[in-house]
Amino acid sequence: MPSVVNDSCILCKSCVEVCPVDAFHEGDTQVVVDPDTCIDCGVCIGECPQGAISSDSEADEKWVKFNAEKAAEWPVASK
């Protein structure tokens, strides 16, 4: 299950630093996960100090959809 970021994200990018496949995309106020790139390793979930990341099976459907849509629009987050 891909990881999903919700609106608790504060754009600290701790998750971006540990992602082995560059699955995070960056907007003005938060990052999102590209579900097609994410390999479901879960490293980012434990790294997030805000608890803003979960697996898509545990996330609200609106955040699953938001991550997929914004990942297609936003650039890959820089480390």
Protein backbone atom coordinates (compact mmCIF):
# COMPACT_ATOMS: atom_id res chain seq x y z
CA MET A 1 0.00 0.00 0.00
CA PRO A 2 1.46 3.39 -0.95
CA SER A 3 2.00 6.02 1.69
CA VAL A 4 -0.35 9.00 1.87
CA VAL A 5 0.30 12.48 3.30
CA ASN A 6 -2.49 14.48 4.97
CA ASP A 7 -2.83 18.16 5.85
CA SER A 8 -0.77 17.82 9.04
CA CYS A 9 2.34 18.10 6.86
CA ILE A 10 4.53 21.10 7.76
CA LEU A 11 6.90 20.72 4.78
CA CYS A 12 9.90 19.76 6.92
CA LYS A 13 10.81 17.19 4.23
CA SER A 14 12.20 14.61 6.67
CA CYS A 15 10.29 12.05 4.61
CA VAL A 16 11.85 13.27 1.38
CA GLU A 17 15.33 12.71 2.80
CA VAL A 18 14.68 9.03 3.57
CA CYS A 19 12.62 8.02 0.52
CA PRO A 20 14.70 5.59 -1.56
CA VAL A 21 12.68 6.15 -4.76
CA ASP A 22 11.93 9.92 -4.79
CA ALA A 23 8.17 9.35 -4.49
CA PHE A 24 7.48 12.74 -2.88
CA HIS A 25 6.25 15.75 -4.81
CA GLU A 26 6.33 19.24 -3.33
CA GLY A 27 3.68 21.96 -3.29
CA ASP A 28 3.71 25.35 -1.59
CA THR A 29 2.62 24.08 1.83
CA GLN A 30 3.13 20.32 1.87
CA VAL A 31 4.42 17.24 0.10
CA VAL A 32 2.42 14.36 -1.35
CA VAL A 33 3.31 10.82 -2.38
CA ASP A 34 3.12 9.57 -5.95
CA PRO A 35 1.33 6.22 -5.58
CA ASP A 36 2.88 4.95 -8.81
CA THR A 37 6.43 5.57 -7.55
CA CYS A 38 6.05 4.58 -3.89
CA ILE A 39 7.41 1.10 -3.14
CA ASP A 40 5.56 0.77 0.18
CA CYS A 41 8.69 0.52 2.31
CA GLY A 42 7.11 2.61 5.09
CA VAL A 43 10.32 4.38 6.08
CA CYS A 44 8.69 7.80 5.67
CA ILE A 45 5.83 6.94 8.04
CA GLY A 46 8.16 6.56 11.00
CA GLU A 47 10.27 9.54 9.97
CA CYS A 48 7.43 12.12 9.95
CA PRO A 49 7.51 14.21 13.17
CA GLN A 50 3.91 15.34 12.58
CA GLY A 51 2.41 11.90 12.03
CA ALA A 52 1.14 13.21 8.69
CA ILE A 53 1.93 10.03 6.71
CA SER A 54 0.08 6.73 6.76
CA SER A 55 -0.54 3.80 4.46
CA ASP A 56 -3.36 4.30 2.00
CA SER A 57 -5.35 1.53 3.68
CA GLU A 58 -5.43 3.64 6.88
CA ALA A 59 -5.85 7.06 5.24
CA ASP A 60 -9.05 8.95 4.53
CA GLU A 61 -10.04 8.44 0.88
CA LYS A 62 -9.92 12.20 0.25
CA TRP A 63 -6.18 12.21 1.06
CA VAL A 64 -5.53 9.18 -1.14
CA LYS A 65 -7.16 11.04 -4.03
CA PHE A 66 -5.44 14.34 -3.15
CA ASN A 67 -1.97 12.71 -3.14
CA ALA A 68 -2.52 11.04 -6.51
CA GLU A 69 -3.88 14.20 -8.13
CA LYS A 70 -1.24 16.58 -6.77
CA ALA A 71 1.66 14.19 -7.46
CA ALA A 72 0.69 14.41 -11.13
CA GLU A 73 0.78 18.24 -10.98
CA TRP A 74 3.61 19.09 -8.58
CA PRO A 75 7.36 18.63 -9.19
CA VAL A 76 9.40 15.92 -7.47
CA ALA A 77 10.53 17.23 -4.08
CA SER A 78 14.18 18.17 -3.81
CA LYS A 79 16.30 16.63 -1.08
